[in-house]
Amino acid sequence: MIRACASCGTKNRVPPDHLADVGKCGRCKAALPAMSEPIAADPQIFAEITGSAKVPVLVDFWAEWCGPCRMAAPEVAKTAQAMSGRALVLKVDTDAHPALAQQFNVSGIPNFVVMRDGKVVFQQAGMVRQPQMEKWLREAGS
């Protein structure tokens, strides 16, 4: 993944297994904070992150036309912010990547999957709030 430094604007490549870590800009050495926002994931990014993340990963399967998905989006973003450094959050657009949704038997959206070490720990369809998402991630991290 490419992350821009907030101090100097330099684009830094951050390996998927270090997205939850605090790093340093390759140019100015300023801190690059842990990822604190949802990551739009295609199949390649999904595989790289879920296969190498050292922290739990919350995956939000969603679609633009889905009302409950739009209601869940701010909750997902709050979860990414609150769990920064302790978890990662991916968003998979089921219209753009139907095979990935099919791989996880997603038949209703929003559908949330929590993964740890590349394996599904928990899965649930339907709208949930940030505290529940955080609870899933904390449990998966212990």
Protein backbone atom coordinates (compact mmCIF):
# COMPACT_ATOMS: atom_id res chain seq x y z
CA MET A 1 0.00 0.00 0.00
CA ILE A 2 1.10 3.54 -0.69
CA ARG A 3 0.70 6.06 2.15
CA ALA A 4 1.46 9.76 1.85
CA CYS A 5 3.44 11.41 4.64
CA ALA A 6 1.40 14.13 6.37
CA SER A 7 4.56 16.19 6.92
CA CYS A 8 6.24 16.26 3.52
CA GLY A 9 3.78 14.55 1.16
CA THR A 10 6.23 11.82 0.12
CA LYS A 11 4.56 8.60 -0.95
CA ASN A 12 5.78 5.67 1.12
CA ARG A 13 5.25 2.00 0.38
CA VAL A 14 4.02 0.20 3.48
CA PRO A 15 3.96 -3.60 3.38
CA PRO A 16 0.56 -5.11 4.28
CA ASP A 17 1.94 -6.70 7.44
CA HIS A 18 2.98 -3.26 8.75
CA LEU A 19 -0.23 -1.29 8.13
CA ALA A 20 -1.11 -1.50 11.84
CA ASP A 21 2.36 -0.30 12.89
CA VAL A 22 3.73 3.19 13.32
CA GLY A 23 6.46 3.69 10.74
CA LYS A 24 8.71 6.48 9.50
CA CYS A 25 8.63 8.46 6.28
CA GLY A 26 11.50 7.42 4.04
CA ARG A 27 12.27 11.05 3.25
CA CYS A 28 11.70 13.26 6.30
CA LYS A 29 11.58 10.50 8.97
CA ALA A 30 8.29 11.84 10.39
CA ALA A 31 6.01 9.25 11.95
CA LEU A 32 3.61 7.43 9.64
CA PRO A 33 0.74 6.48 11.95
CA ALA A 34 -0.97 3.12 11.89
CA MET A 35 -3.80 2.84 9.37
CA SER A 36 -6.88 4.48 10.86
CA GLU A 37 -9.39 4.38 8.04
CA PRO A 38 -11.13 1.63 6.08
CA ILE A 39 -9.17 0.29 3.11
CA ALA A 40 -11.02 -0.32 -0.17
CA ALA A 41 -9.99 -3.86 -1.04
CA ASP A 42 -9.89 -5.67 -4.35
CA PRO A 43 -9.04 -9.41 -4.35
CA GLN A 44 -5.27 -8.78 -4.43
CA ILE A 45 -5.26 -6.25 -1.57
CA PHE A 46 -7.68 -8.46 0.37
CA ALA A 47 -5.38 -11.50 0.06
CA GLU A 48 -2.23 -9.53 0.90
CA ILE A 49 -3.70 -7.93 4.03
CA THR A 50 -5.70 -10.84 5.42
CA GLY A 51 -2.84 -13.23 4.74
CA SER A 52 -0.15 -11.19 6.48
CA ALA A 53 -1.79 -8.90 9.04
CA LYS A 54 -0.48 -9.30 12.59
CA VAL A 55 -3.78 -7.94 13.94
CA PRO A 56 -7.44 -8.90 13.45
CA VAL A 57 -9.09 -7.67 10.25
CA LEU A 58 -12.72 -6.55 9.99
CA VAL A 59 -14.10 -6.93 6.46
CA ASP A 60 -17.22 -4.99 5.49
CA PHE A 61 -18.91 -6.48 2.43
CA TRP A 62 -21.14 -3.71 1.06
CA ALA A 63 -22.65 -2.11 -2.07
CA GLU A 64 -23.37 1.50 -3.00
CA TRP A 65 -27.10 0.91 -3.55
CA CYS A 66 -27.59 -0.71 -0.12
CA GLY A 67 -29.27 1.57 2.44
CA PRO A 68 -28.15 -0.40 5.52
CA CYS A 69 -24.59 -0.43 4.09
CA ARG A 70 -24.66 3.37 3.88
CA MET A 71 -25.91 3.48 7.49
CA ALA A 72 -23.09 1.15 8.57
CA ALA A 73 -20.33 3.09 6.76
CA PRO A 74 -19.82 5.74 9.50
CA GLU A 75 -19.77 3.00 12.13
CA VAL A 76 -17.14 1.11 10.13
CA ALA A 77 -15.05 4.30 9.80
CA LYS A 78 -15.31 4.97 13.55
CA THR A 79 -14.19 1.41 14.22
CA ALA A 80 -11.13 1.82 11.97
CA GLN A 81 -10.21 5.02 13.83
CA ALA A 82 -10.81 3.62 17.31
CA MET A 83 -8.94 0.35 16.64
CA SER A 84 -5.98 1.93 14.81
CA GLY A 85 -2.85 -0.03 15.60
CA ARG A 86 -4.85 -2.94 17.03
CA ALA A 87 -6.91 -3.95 13.96
CA LEU A 88 -7.39 -3.20 10.27
CA VAL A 89 -10.66 -2.57 8.45
CA LEU A 90 -11.31 -3.52 4.82
CA LYS A 91 -14.30 -2.62 2.65
CA VAL A 92 -15.19 -4.95 -0.22
CA ASP A 93 -17.68 -3.68 -2.80
CA THR A 94 -19.74 -6.77 -3.63
CA ASP A 95 -20.81 -5.34 -7.00
CA ALA A 96 -17.19 -4.76 -8.06
CA HIS A 97 -15.87 -8.03 -6.57
CA PRO A 98 -18.70 -10.60 -6.56
CA ALA A 99 -16.32 -13.59 -6.56
CA LEU A 100 -14.79 -12.43 -3.30
CA ALA A 101 -18.23 -12.06 -1.75
CA GLN A 102 -19.17 -15.51 -3.05
CA GLN A 103 -16.01 -16.99 -1.50
CA PHE A 104 -17.40 -15.95 1.91
CA ASN A 105 -20.99 -17.00 1.14
CA VAL A 106 -22.21 -13.43 1.39
CA SER A 107 -25.92 -13.52 0.55
CA GLY A 108 -27.02 -10.39 2.43
CA ILE A 109 -25.28 -7.08 2.98
CA PRO A 110 -23.86 -5.45 4.92
CA ASN A 111 -21.97 -8.55 5.92
CA PHE A 112 -19.11 -8.38 8.40
CA VAL A 113 -16.30 -10.89 8.62
CA VAL A 114 -13.58 -10.85 11.27
CA MET A 115 -10.36 -12.61 10.26
CA ARG A 116 -7.23 -13.49 12.18
CA ASP A 117 -4.16 -15.17 10.66
CA GLY A 118 -5.99 -15.50 7.33
CA LYS A 119 -8.91 -17.43 8.84
CA VAL A 120 -12.51 -16.44 9.50
CA VAL A 121 -13.11 -16.00 13.21
CA PHE A 122 -16.61 -14.57 13.00
CA GLN A 123 -19.20 -13.59 10.38
CA GLN A 124 -22.52 -11.80 10.63
CA ALA A 125 -24.88 -10.11 8.19
CA GLY A 126 -26.87 -7.00 9.07
CA MET A 127 -26.30 -3.53 10.40
CA VAL A 128 -24.32 -3.25 13.64
CA ARG A 129 -22.83 -0.31 15.53
CA GLN A 130 -19.23 0.51 16.31
CA PRO A 131 -19.17 -0.94 19.87
CA GLN A 132 -20.16 -4.37 18.53
CA MET A 133 -17.53 -4.25 15.77
CA GLU A 134 -14.88 -3.28 18.31
CA LYS A 135 -15.97 -6.13 20.59
CA TRP A 136 -15.52 -8.63 17.75
CA LEU A 137 -12.04 -7.30 17.01
CA ARG A 138 -10.95 -7.26 20.66
CA GLU A 139 -12.13 -10.86 21.08
CA ALA A 140 -10.31 -11.91 17.90
CA GLY A 141 -7.13 -10.20 19.13
CA SER A 142 -6.95 -12.06 22.41
